[in-house]
């Protein structure tokens, strides 16, 4: 996670990563590994973040079917890097994990995170 957080060109950073679900149950077979993330936008917000996300989308060379796809490119790019092409990682938000109230274990917590 540190490597991703250090990438200056990315618009978001990972604050916390937790594992939950069957991974914590000592099962012999795991269908997937459930990961909950708390991420935040780096420095920029509002109009500046929108401008940067659109710039990154335009520079990516991808074709987008809608403005929303272009606008969300910064987040989509970030999540794809975290997924790293693995079909076995199931990514969720920590907010969703806390709503369900299931047990989890912290795998990573950014030392500069205030929460």
N, C-alpha and C. Protein backbone atom coordinates (compact mmCIF):
# COMPACT_ATOMS: atom_id res chain seq x y z
N UNK A 1 0.81 -1.19 0.00
CA UNK A 1 0.00 0.00 0.00
C UNK A 1 0.85 1.26 0.00
N UNK A 2 2.00 1.18 0.68
CA UNK A 2 2.86 2.36 0.71
C UNK A 2 3.27 2.79 -0.70
N UNK A 3 3.54 1.77 -1.57
CA UNK A 3 3.96 2.10 -2.93
C UNK A 3 2.87 2.86 -3.68
N UNK A 4 1.64 2.44 -3.50
CA UNK A 4 0.52 3.12 -4.17
C UNK A 4 0.34 4.51 -3.58
N UNK A 5 0.41 4.62 -2.27
CA UNK A 5 0.25 5.94 -1.64
C UNK A 5 1.34 6.91 -2.04
N UNK A 6 2.52 6.42 -2.37
CA UNK A 6 3.64 7.28 -2.76
C UNK A 6 3.55 7.76 -4.20
N UNK A 7 2.68 7.18 -4.99
CA UNK A 7 2.57 7.57 -6.40
C UNK A 7 1.86 8.92 -6.49
N UNK A 8 2.63 9.94 -6.79
CA UNK A 8 2.13 11.31 -6.80
C UNK A 8 1.05 11.55 -7.85
N UNK A 9 1.08 10.80 -8.95
CA UNK A 9 0.12 11.04 -10.01
C UNK A 9 -1.30 10.56 -9.67
N UNK A 10 -1.41 9.66 -8.70
CA UNK A 10 -2.73 9.14 -8.34
C UNK A 10 -3.49 10.16 -7.49
N UNK A 11 -4.81 10.16 -7.63
CA UNK A 11 -5.64 11.17 -6.98
C UNK A 11 -6.16 10.73 -5.62
N UNK A 12 -5.92 9.48 -5.25
CA UNK A 12 -6.41 8.96 -3.97
C UNK A 12 -5.30 8.21 -3.25
N UNK A 13 -5.54 7.93 -1.99
CA UNK A 13 -4.58 7.14 -1.21
C UNK A 13 -5.34 6.19 -0.30
N UNK A 14 -4.67 5.13 0.11
CA UNK A 14 -5.25 4.14 1.01
C UNK A 14 -4.95 4.55 2.44
N UNK A 15 -5.99 4.65 3.25
CA UNK A 15 -5.81 4.98 4.67
C UNK A 15 -5.80 3.73 5.54
N UNK A 16 -6.65 2.77 5.17
CA UNK A 16 -6.76 1.56 5.99
C UNK A 16 -7.25 0.40 5.14
N UNK A 17 -6.75 -0.79 5.45
CA UNK A 17 -7.17 -2.02 4.78
C UNK A 17 -7.49 -3.05 5.86
N UNK A 18 -8.66 -3.67 5.73
CA UNK A 18 -9.05 -4.74 6.65
C UNK A 18 -9.45 -5.97 5.84
N UNK A 19 -9.19 -7.12 6.39
CA UNK A 19 -9.64 -8.38 5.80
C UNK A 19 -10.80 -8.89 6.66
N UNK A 20 -11.77 -9.52 6.01
CA UNK A 20 -12.91 -10.08 6.75
C UNK A 20 -13.45 -11.27 5.99
N UNK A 21 -14.47 -11.89 6.53
CA UNK A 21 -15.12 -13.01 5.85
C UNK A 21 -14.40 -14.32 6.07
N UNK A 22 -14.50 -15.20 5.07
CA UNK A 22 -14.00 -16.57 5.21
C UNK A 22 -12.50 -16.64 5.48
N UNK A 23 -11.75 -15.63 5.11
CA UNK A 23 -10.31 -15.61 5.36
C UNK A 23 -10.01 -15.71 6.86
N UNK A 24 -10.88 -15.12 7.68
CA UNK A 24 -10.67 -15.14 9.13
C UNK A 24 -11.18 -16.41 9.80
N UNK A 25 -11.84 -17.26 9.04
CA UNK A 25 -12.47 -18.45 9.61
C UNK A 25 -11.63 -19.72 9.49
N UNK A 26 -10.39 -19.59 9.07
CA UNK A 26 -9.46 -20.73 8.95
C UNK A 26 -10.05 -21.85 8.10
N UNK A 27 -10.68 -21.50 7.01
CA UNK A 27 -11.23 -22.49 6.08
C UNK A 27 -10.12 -23.06 5.21
N UNK A 28 -10.32 -24.29 4.79
CA UNK A 28 -9.33 -24.93 3.92
C UNK A 28 -9.37 -24.31 2.52
N UNK A 29 -10.56 -23.97 2.05
CA UNK A 29 -10.71 -23.40 0.71
C UNK A 29 -11.33 -22.01 0.80
N UNK A 30 -10.74 -21.07 0.11
CA UNK A 30 -11.28 -19.71 0.04
C UNK A 30 -11.72 -19.42 -1.39
N UNK A 31 -12.96 -19.01 -1.56
CA UNK A 31 -13.43 -18.63 -2.88
C UNK A 31 -12.85 -17.29 -3.30
N UNK A 32 -12.78 -16.38 -2.34
CA UNK A 32 -12.18 -15.07 -2.57
C UNK A 32 -11.72 -14.53 -1.22
N UNK A 33 -11.02 -13.42 -1.27
CA UNK A 33 -10.58 -12.75 -0.05
C UNK A 33 -11.28 -11.40 -0.01
N UNK A 34 -12.07 -11.20 1.05
CA UNK A 34 -12.82 -9.96 1.21
C UNK A 34 -11.96 -8.91 1.88
N UNK A 35 -11.80 -7.79 1.20
CA UNK A 35 -10.97 -6.70 1.67
C UNK A 35 -11.84 -5.44 1.78
N UNK A 36 -11.75 -4.77 2.92
CA UNK A 36 -12.44 -3.49 3.11
C UNK A 36 -11.40 -2.38 3.12
N UNK A 37 -11.70 -1.30 2.41
CA UNK A 37 -10.76 -0.20 2.25
C UNK A 37 -11.35 1.11 2.73
N UNK A 38 -10.52 1.90 3.33
CA UNK A 38 -10.87 3.31 3.55
C UNK A 38 -9.86 4.10 2.75
N UNK A 39 -10.36 4.82 1.76
CA UNK A 39 -9.51 5.62 0.91
C UNK A 39 -9.96 7.08 1.00
N UNK A 40 -9.07 7.97 0.63
CA UNK A 40 -9.42 9.38 0.59
C UNK A 40 -8.72 10.04 -0.57
N UNK A 41 -9.30 11.14 -1.00
CA UNK A 41 -8.68 11.92 -2.05
C UNK A 41 -7.44 12.61 -1.50
N UNK A 42 -6.43 12.67 -2.33
CA UNK A 42 -5.24 13.42 -1.95
C UNK A 42 -5.52 14.90 -2.09
N UNK A 43 -4.93 15.69 -1.24
CA UNK A 43 -4.96 17.14 -1.25
C UNK A 43 -6.09 17.86 -1.95
N UNK A 44 -6.33 17.55 -3.21
CA UNK A 44 -7.32 18.31 -3.96
C UNK A 44 -8.74 17.85 -3.66
N UNK A 45 -9.66 18.77 -3.81
CA UNK A 45 -11.07 18.43 -3.65
C UNK A 45 -11.90 19.30 -4.58
N UNK A 46 -13.15 18.98 -4.70
CA UNK A 46 -14.07 19.78 -5.49
C UNK A 46 -13.65 19.94 -6.93
N UNK A 47 -13.65 21.19 -7.40
CA UNK A 47 -13.36 21.48 -8.81
C UNK A 47 -11.96 21.04 -9.21
N UNK A 48 -11.00 21.20 -8.34
CA UNK A 48 -9.63 20.80 -8.65
C UNK A 48 -9.54 19.29 -8.88
N UNK A 49 -10.19 18.51 -8.03
CA UNK A 49 -10.18 17.05 -8.19
C UNK A 49 -10.86 16.66 -9.50
N UNK A 50 -12.00 17.28 -9.81
CA UNK A 50 -12.69 16.99 -11.08
C UNK A 50 -11.79 17.30 -12.27
N UNK A 51 -11.15 18.44 -12.23
CA UNK A 51 -10.26 18.84 -13.32
C UNK A 51 -9.13 17.81 -13.48
N UNK A 52 -8.53 17.39 -12.38
CA UNK A 52 -7.42 16.43 -12.45
C UNK A 52 -7.89 15.07 -12.93
N UNK A 53 -9.06 14.64 -12.49
CA UNK A 53 -9.58 13.34 -12.93
C UNK A 53 -9.88 13.37 -14.42
N UNK A 54 -10.47 14.44 -14.91
CA UNK A 54 -10.75 14.58 -16.34
C UNK A 54 -9.44 14.64 -17.14
N UNK A 55 -8.44 15.33 -16.62
CA UNK A 55 -7.15 15.41 -17.29
C UNK A 55 -6.52 14.03 -17.41
N UNK A 56 -6.56 13.27 -16.31
CA UNK A 56 -5.99 11.92 -16.32
C UNK A 56 -6.74 11.03 -17.32
N UNK A 57 -8.06 11.18 -17.36
CA UNK A 57 -8.87 10.40 -18.30
C UNK A 57 -8.47 10.73 -19.73
N UNK A 58 -8.35 12.01 -20.03
CA UNK A 58 -8.00 12.43 -21.38
C UNK A 58 -6.60 11.96 -21.77
N UNK A 59 -5.68 11.97 -20.84
CA UNK A 59 -4.31 11.54 -21.12
C UNK A 59 -4.15 10.02 -21.18
N UNK A 60 -5.15 9.29 -20.69
CA UNK A 60 -5.05 7.83 -20.65
C UNK A 60 -5.14 7.18 -22.03
N UNK A 61 -5.75 7.90 -22.98
CA UNK A 61 -5.94 7.33 -24.31
C UNK A 61 -7.16 6.44 -24.43
N UNK A 62 -7.89 6.25 -23.34
CA UNK A 62 -9.11 5.43 -23.37
C UNK A 62 -10.26 6.20 -24.00
N UNK A 63 -11.20 5.47 -24.55
CA UNK A 63 -12.46 6.04 -25.03
C UNK A 63 -13.49 5.84 -23.93
N UNK A 64 -14.26 6.87 -23.63
CA UNK A 64 -15.26 6.80 -22.57
C UNK A 64 -16.64 6.97 -23.17
N UNK A 65 -17.57 6.20 -22.66
CA UNK A 65 -18.94 6.25 -23.20
C UNK A 65 -19.76 7.38 -22.59
N UNK A 66 -19.28 7.96 -21.50
CA UNK A 66 -20.04 9.04 -20.87
C UNK A 66 -19.11 9.99 -20.10
N UNK A 67 -19.65 11.14 -19.81
CA UNK A 67 -18.93 12.12 -18.99
C UNK A 67 -18.64 11.55 -17.61
N UNK A 68 -19.59 10.83 -17.05
CA UNK A 68 -19.40 10.23 -15.71
C UNK A 68 -18.23 9.26 -15.71
N UNK A 69 -18.09 8.48 -16.77
CA UNK A 69 -16.94 7.57 -16.86
C UNK A 69 -15.63 8.35 -16.89
N UNK A 70 -15.59 9.44 -17.62
CA UNK A 70 -14.39 10.30 -17.65
C UNK A 70 -14.14 10.91 -16.27
N UNK A 71 -15.20 11.42 -15.67
CA UNK A 71 -15.09 12.08 -14.38
C UNK A 71 -14.60 11.14 -13.29
N UNK A 72 -15.02 9.91 -13.34
CA UNK A 72 -14.65 8.95 -12.30
C UNK A 72 -13.36 8.18 -12.63
N UNK A 73 -12.69 8.56 -13.70
CA UNK A 73 -11.50 7.83 -14.11
C UNK A 73 -10.43 7.77 -13.02
N UNK A 74 -10.20 8.86 -12.32
CA UNK A 74 -9.18 8.86 -11.27
C UNK A 74 -9.44 7.79 -10.21
N UNK A 75 -10.70 7.65 -9.83
CA UNK A 75 -11.06 6.63 -8.84
C UNK A 75 -10.98 5.23 -9.45
N UNK A 76 -11.49 5.08 -10.67
CA UNK A 76 -11.46 3.78 -11.34
C UNK A 76 -10.03 3.29 -11.52
N UNK A 77 -9.16 4.18 -11.95
CA UNK A 77 -7.75 3.85 -12.13
C UNK A 77 -7.15 3.37 -10.80
N UNK A 78 -7.44 4.07 -9.73
CA UNK A 78 -6.92 3.74 -8.41
C UNK A 78 -7.39 2.35 -7.97
N UNK A 79 -8.69 2.09 -8.12
CA UNK A 79 -9.24 0.80 -7.71
C UNK A 79 -8.66 -0.34 -8.54
N UNK A 80 -8.44 -0.12 -9.81
CA UNK A 80 -7.83 -1.16 -10.66
C UNK A 80 -6.41 -1.49 -10.19
N UNK A 81 -5.68 -0.49 -9.79
CA UNK A 81 -4.33 -0.74 -9.26
C UNK A 81 -4.41 -1.58 -7.99
N UNK A 82 -5.37 -1.28 -7.13
CA UNK A 82 -5.52 -2.05 -5.90
C UNK A 82 -5.94 -3.49 -6.19
N UNK A 83 -6.82 -3.66 -7.15
CA UNK A 83 -7.30 -4.99 -7.53
C UNK A 83 -6.19 -5.82 -8.15
N UNK A 84 -5.27 -5.15 -8.82
CA UNK A 84 -4.09 -5.78 -9.43
C UNK A 84 -4.44 -6.97 -10.32
N UNK A 85 -5.59 -6.91 -10.96
CA UNK A 85 -5.99 -7.96 -11.90
C UNK A 85 -6.43 -9.26 -11.24
N UNK A 86 -6.50 -9.30 -9.93
CA UNK A 86 -6.86 -10.53 -9.24
C UNK A 86 -8.37 -10.73 -9.22
N UNK A 87 -8.80 -11.89 -9.67
CA UNK A 87 -10.21 -12.23 -9.60
C UNK A 87 -10.60 -12.75 -8.22
N UNK A 88 -9.63 -12.91 -7.35
CA UNK A 88 -9.88 -13.47 -6.02
C UNK A 88 -10.00 -12.42 -4.93
N UNK A 89 -9.74 -11.16 -5.27
CA UNK A 89 -9.92 -10.09 -4.30
C UNK A 89 -11.31 -9.47 -4.48
N UNK A 90 -12.03 -9.36 -3.40
CA UNK A 90 -13.34 -8.71 -3.43
C UNK A 90 -13.22 -7.44 -2.58
N UNK A 91 -13.24 -6.28 -3.25
CA UNK A 91 -13.00 -5.00 -2.58
C UNK A 91 -14.32 -4.36 -2.14
N UNK A 92 -14.31 -3.86 -0.91
CA UNK A 92 -15.48 -3.22 -0.31
C UNK A 92 -15.00 -1.95 0.42
N UNK A 93 -15.95 -1.17 0.88
CA UNK A 93 -15.58 -0.01 1.70
C UNK A 93 -15.64 -0.39 3.18
N UNK A 94 -14.88 0.29 3.98
CA UNK A 94 -14.93 0.06 5.43
C UNK A 94 -16.29 0.48 5.97
N UNK A 95 -16.90 1.51 5.38
CA UNK A 95 -18.25 1.90 5.79
C UNK A 95 -19.23 0.74 5.65
N UNK A 96 -19.16 0.04 4.51
CA UNK A 96 -20.04 -1.12 4.31
C UNK A 96 -19.74 -2.22 5.33
N UNK A 97 -18.48 -2.46 5.59
CA UNK A 97 -18.08 -3.47 6.57
C UNK A 97 -18.64 -3.12 7.95
N UNK A 98 -18.52 -1.87 8.35
CA UNK A 98 -19.00 -1.46 9.67
C UNK A 98 -20.52 -1.53 9.77
N UNK A 99 -21.23 -1.27 8.69
CA UNK A 99 -22.70 -1.38 8.69
C UNK A 99 -23.14 -2.81 8.94
N UNK A 100 -22.40 -3.76 8.37
CA UNK A 100 -22.72 -5.17 8.55
C UNK A 100 -22.32 -5.63 9.95
N UNK A 101 -21.28 -5.03 10.49
CA UNK A 101 -20.85 -5.35 11.85
C UNK A 101 -20.13 -6.67 11.98
N UNK A 102 -19.47 -7.11 10.94
CA UNK A 102 -18.75 -8.38 10.99
C UNK A 102 -17.32 -8.17 11.50
N UNK A 103 -16.74 -9.24 11.97
CA UNK A 103 -15.37 -9.20 12.49
C UNK A 103 -14.40 -8.94 11.34
N UNK A 104 -13.34 -8.20 11.65
CA UNK A 104 -12.31 -7.93 10.65
C UNK A 104 -10.96 -7.80 11.35
N UNK A 105 -9.92 -7.81 10.53
CA UNK A 105 -8.57 -7.62 11.05
C UNK A 105 -7.86 -6.59 10.18
N UNK A 106 -7.21 -5.65 10.83
CA UNK A 106 -6.49 -4.60 10.11
C UNK A 106 -5.22 -5.19 9.50
N UNK A 107 -5.06 -4.98 8.19
CA UNK A 107 -3.85 -5.40 7.49
C UNK A 107 -2.89 -4.24 7.27
N UNK A 108 -3.47 -3.04 7.14
CA UNK A 108 -2.66 -1.86 6.86
C UNK A 108 -3.38 -0.64 7.40
N UNK A 109 -2.62 0.24 8.02
CA UNK A 109 -3.15 1.53 8.45
C UNK A 109 -2.05 2.54 8.21
N UNK A 110 -2.36 3.54 7.40
CA UNK A 110 -1.39 4.57 7.06
C UNK A 110 -1.02 5.35 8.33
N UNK A 111 0.25 5.45 8.61
CA UNK A 111 0.71 6.12 9.83
C UNK A 111 0.38 7.61 9.83
N UNK A 112 0.15 8.20 8.66
CA UNK A 112 -0.19 9.61 8.60
C UNK A 112 -1.70 9.85 8.68
N UNK A 113 -2.47 8.77 8.82
CA UNK A 113 -3.93 8.87 8.86
C UNK A 113 -4.38 9.37 10.22
N UNK A 114 -5.32 10.29 10.22
CA UNK A 114 -5.79 10.89 11.47
C UNK A 114 -6.93 10.13 12.12
N UNK A 115 -7.58 9.21 11.41
CA UNK A 115 -8.72 8.49 12.01
C UNK A 115 -8.29 7.28 12.77
